[in-house]
C-alpha cells in the first residue's frame, strides 16, 4: 500500500467513524485512473449483508459520501473520488 493510499484510507475511516452508521461496517480504498485517464480514488463502503436498505439509510449513505468527498478535496488530494457500496463478506 502506498503512502497516499494509506493516508486516504485513514481519512475515509475517520469520516466513517464520526458518522457512525450501523449498516456501514468498513471501507476500502483503491487508487487508479478514471475513464478520462485522470488520477482517481475509489472508496468502497462495506455494507452489512443482513441489512435491508431503507430510503432513510440511503440518504444517510449519500450524506456520508458527500462528507468523504468534501474531506478529500479539503485535504488537497489530487484525485477524483468515487464512492460505491459493496456487501461485506
Protein backbone atom coordinates (compact mmCIF):
# COMPACT_ATOMS: atom_id res chain seq x y z
CA UNK A 1 0.00 0.00 0.00
CA UNK A 2 1.40 3.39 -0.99
CA UNK A 3 1.71 6.27 1.46
CA UNK A 4 -1.01 8.19 -0.39
CA UNK A 5 -3.35 5.19 -0.27
CA UNK A 6 -2.71 4.77 3.48
CA UNK A 7 -3.48 8.46 4.11
CA UNK A 8 -6.71 8.23 2.13
CA UNK A 9 -7.72 5.05 3.97
CA UNK A 10 -7.18 6.77 7.35
CA UNK A 11 -9.18 9.80 6.19
CA UNK A 12 -12.09 7.64 4.99
CA UNK A 13 -12.10 5.55 8.17
CA UNK A 14 -12.12 8.72 10.26
CA UNK A 15 -15.16 10.14 8.45
CA UNK A 16 -16.98 6.78 8.61
CA UNK A 17 -16.24 6.50 12.33
CA UNK A 18 -17.56 10.03 13.01
CA UNK A 19 -20.81 9.31 11.14
CA UNK A 20 -21.45 6.01 12.97
CA UNK A 21 -23.89 4.46 10.51
CA UNK A 22 -24.63 0.94 11.83
CA UNK A 23 -25.03 -0.56 8.37
CA UNK A 24 -21.55 0.62 7.20
CA UNK A 25 -19.15 -1.90 8.72
CA UNK A 26 -15.95 -0.99 6.90
CA UNK A 27 -14.34 0.63 3.89
CA UNK A 28 -11.73 0.04 1.20
CA UNK A 29 -9.72 2.47 -0.90
CA UNK A 30 -8.36 1.76 -4.38
CA UNK A 31 -6.17 4.16 -6.39
CA UNK A 32 -6.10 4.29 -10.16
CA UNK A 33 -7.17 6.33 -13.16
CA UNK A 34 -10.71 7.00 -14.25
CA UNK A 35 -12.09 6.71 -17.77
CA UNK A 36 -10.51 10.06 -18.70
CA UNK A 37 -7.06 8.89 -17.51
CA UNK A 38 -7.19 11.27 -14.55
CA UNK A 39 -5.98 10.22 -11.07
CA UNK A 40 -8.89 8.77 -9.11
CA UNK A 41 -9.70 7.06 -5.84
CA UNK A 42 -12.49 4.53 -5.47
CA UNK A 43 -13.93 4.36 -1.98
CA UNK A 44 -15.97 1.25 -1.26
CA UNK A 45 -18.27 1.38 1.75
CA UNK A 46 -18.85 -2.13 3.08
CA UNK A 47 -22.49 -2.69 3.97
CA UNK A 48 -23.76 -5.27 6.44
CA UNK A 49 -25.21 -8.07 4.25
CA UNK A 50 -28.09 -8.60 6.69
CA UNK A 51 -29.35 -5.04 6.35
CA UNK A 52 -32.19 -4.04 4.07
CA UNK A 53 -31.52 -0.52 2.88
CA UNK A 54 -34.31 1.94 3.51
CA UNK A 55 -34.81 5.29 1.80
CA UNK A 56 -33.64 6.99 5.02
CA UNK A 57 -30.48 4.89 5.19
CA UNK A 58 -29.69 5.61 1.54
CA UNK A 59 -29.98 9.31 2.35
CA UNK A 60 -27.53 8.84 5.23
CA UNK A 61 -25.12 6.99 2.95
CA UNK A 62 -25.35 9.79 0.38
CA UNK A 63 -24.52 12.33 3.08
CA UNK A 64 -21.59 10.16 4.22
CA UNK A 65 -20.38 10.02 0.62
CA UNK A 66 -20.53 13.82 0.34
CA UNK A 67 -18.64 14.17 3.63
CA UNK A 68 -15.89 11.83 2.42
CA UNK A 69 -15.54 13.71 -0.88
CA UNK A 70 -15.51 17.07 0.92
CA UNK A 71 -12.68 15.90 3.22
CA UNK A 72 -10.66 14.61 0.26
CA UNK A 73 -10.99 17.94 -1.55
CA UNK A 74 -10.20 19.95 1.61
CA UNK A 75 -7.05 17.91 2.25
CA UNK A 76 -5.89 18.73 -1.31
CA UNK A 77 -5.62 15.20 -2.64
CA UNK A 78 -5.24 15.37 -6.40
CA UNK A 79 -7.62 12.50 -7.15
CA UNK A 80 -11.24 12.42 -8.21
CA UNK A 81 -13.17 10.48 -5.56
CA UNK A 82 -15.80 7.91 -6.48
CA UNK A 83 -17.83 6.28 -3.70
CA UNK A 84 -19.64 2.97 -4.08
CA UNK A 85 -21.22 0.27 -1.96
CA UNK A 86 -20.16 -3.34 -1.51
CA UNK A 87 -21.72 -6.02 0.61
CA UNK A 88 -19.27 -7.17 3.27
CA UNK A 89 -18.35 -10.85 3.04
